[in-house]
């Protein structure tokens, strides 16, 4: 893993460590990160579902399924690790002025036809 990737990822790594993930967050930077994270599927599933509103504070969001509206604004650095990420509509618009966003869908990320 290139050092610059690890350096840019540091703030997300710190969020995940604070959220007490049972794996080393830097594995998310590897090509086969999904295979590694699937080993912790019970941990992710046990976190339940997370349904966001249009204005979220951010932080570490770890869940079996994350549901986002078609437009969401995060007010702090945000890292999402979820088996499934769903959003309302054909496109997802994320605003996070001056903040970092990292999204890791283990299984898939998908827009749904009904409005969320």
Protein backbone atom coordinates (compact mmCIF):
# COMPACT_ATOMS: atom_id res chain seq x y z
CA UNK A 1 0.00 0.00 0.00
CA UNK A 2 1.53 3.33 -1.02
CA UNK A 3 2.39 5.59 1.90
CA UNK A 4 0.40 8.51 0.48
CA UNK A 5 -2.80 6.41 0.49
CA UNK A 6 -2.23 5.46 4.11
CA UNK A 7 -1.54 9.10 5.00
CA UNK A 8 -4.75 10.35 3.40
CA UNK A 9 -6.67 7.49 5.02
CA UNK A 10 -5.36 8.23 8.52
CA UNK A 11 -8.40 10.29 9.60
CA UNK A 12 -10.78 7.51 8.49
CA UNK A 13 -8.62 4.90 10.19
CA UNK A 14 -8.85 6.88 13.44
CA UNK A 15 -12.66 7.06 13.14
CA UNK A 16 -12.86 3.29 12.64
CA UNK A 17 -10.53 2.58 15.56
CA UNK A 18 -12.68 4.83 17.77
CA UNK A 19 -15.71 2.81 16.60
CA UNK A 20 -13.86 -0.33 17.76
CA UNK A 21 -13.87 -2.29 14.50
CA UNK A 22 -12.33 -5.73 15.03
CA UNK A 23 -9.99 -5.42 12.04
CA UNK A 24 -7.07 -3.22 11.10
CA UNK A 25 -8.72 -0.39 9.11
CA UNK A 26 -5.80 -0.17 6.67
CA UNK A 27 -6.97 -3.44 5.09
CA UNK A 28 -9.63 -1.31 3.38
CA UNK A 29 -6.87 0.15 1.22
CA UNK A 30 -5.96 -3.20 -0.32
CA UNK A 31 -7.28 -4.62 -3.57
CA UNK A 32 -8.99 -7.55 -1.84
CA UNK A 33 -10.40 -5.62 1.14
CA UNK A 34 -13.87 -7.13 0.66
CA UNK A 35 -12.52 -10.64 1.25
CA UNK A 36 -10.92 -9.52 4.52
CA UNK A 37 -13.95 -7.59 5.77
CA UNK A 38 -16.32 -10.48 4.98
CA UNK A 39 -14.53 -12.39 7.75
CA UNK A 40 -16.12 -9.86 10.14
CA UNK A 41 -19.61 -10.09 8.66
CA UNK A 42 -21.17 -10.97 12.03
CA UNK A 43 -19.74 -7.78 13.55
CA UNK A 44 -21.10 -5.62 10.73
CA UNK A 45 -24.51 -7.34 10.69
CA UNK A 46 -24.83 -6.99 14.46
CA UNK A 47 -24.58 -3.20 14.09
CA UNK A 48 -28.06 -3.27 12.51
CA UNK A 49 -29.33 -0.80 9.96
CA UNK A 50 -28.57 2.90 9.71
CA UNK A 51 -31.08 5.27 8.11
CA UNK A 52 -29.62 8.69 7.43
CA UNK A 53 -31.43 11.97 7.13
CA UNK A 54 -30.47 14.76 4.72
CA UNK A 55 -28.11 16.38 7.23
CA UNK A 56 -25.84 13.98 9.07
CA UNK A 57 -22.99 14.76 11.42
CA UNK A 58 -20.79 12.00 9.98
CA UNK A 59 -18.15 9.95 11.76
CA UNK A 60 -17.84 6.18 11.44
CA UNK A 61 -21.01 4.53 10.16
CA UNK A 62 -20.82 0.75 10.37
CA UNK A 63 -23.98 -1.17 9.62
CA UNK A 64 -25.50 -4.15 7.89
CA UNK A 65 -27.47 -1.81 5.61
CA UNK A 66 -27.07 1.96 5.28
CA UNK A 67 -29.95 3.86 3.73
CA UNK A 68 -29.17 7.34 2.44
CA UNK A 69 -31.51 9.90 0.90
CA UNK A 70 -30.70 10.90 -2.69
CA UNK A 71 -29.03 14.05 -1.31
CA UNK A 72 -27.08 14.07 1.94
CA UNK A 73 -24.77 16.60 3.58
CA UNK A 74 -22.14 15.48 6.08
CA UNK A 75 -20.72 18.05 8.49
CA UNK A 76 -17.62 16.07 9.49
CA UNK A 77 -15.29 13.43 8.07
CA UNK A 78 -17.29 10.29 7.37
CA UNK A 79 -16.41 6.67 6.69
CA UNK A 80 -19.11 4.15 5.84
CA UNK A 81 -18.52 0.40 6.02
CA UNK A 82 -21.67 -1.60 5.31
CA UNK A 83 -22.74 -4.81 3.68
CA UNK A 84 -25.28 -2.90 1.63
CA UNK A 85 -25.68 0.80 0.87
CA UNK A 86 -28.97 1.99 -0.59
CA UNK A 87 -29.93 5.48 -1.68
CA UNK A 88 -33.14 7.05 -2.96
CA UNK A 89 -33.21 7.68 -6.69
CA UNK A 90 -30.91 6.91 -9.59
CA UNK A 91 -28.06 9.11 -8.31
CA UNK A 92 -26.52 9.93 -4.94
CA UNK A 93 -25.39 13.48 -4.19
CA UNK A 94 -23.07 13.87 -1.20
CA UNK A 95 -21.97 17.25 0.07
CA UNK A 96 -19.26 17.57 2.67
CA UNK A 97 -17.59 20.93 2.26
CA UNK A 98 -13.99 20.58 3.40
CA UNK A 99 -14.61 17.11 4.85
CA UNK A 100 -13.49 13.68 3.73
CA UNK A 101 -15.82 10.87 2.71
CA UNK A 102 -14.86 7.20 2.34
CA UNK A 103 -17.45 4.58 1.38
CA UNK A 104 -16.87 0.82 1.51
CA UNK A 105 -19.83 -1.31 0.35
CA UNK A 106 -18.95 -4.94 1.12
CA UNK A 107 -21.72 -6.40 -1.04
CA UNK A 108 -23.17 -3.54 -3.11
CA UNK A 109 -24.26 0.09 -3.39
CA UNK A 110 -27.48 0.71 -5.24
CA UNK A 111 -30.11 3.34 -5.96
CA UNK A 112 -33.69 2.35 -5.29
CA UNK A 113 -36.64 3.56 -7.31
CA UNK A 114 -38.76 4.85 -4.45
CA UNK A 115 -37.83 8.03 -2.63
CA UNK A 116 -36.07 7.54 0.70
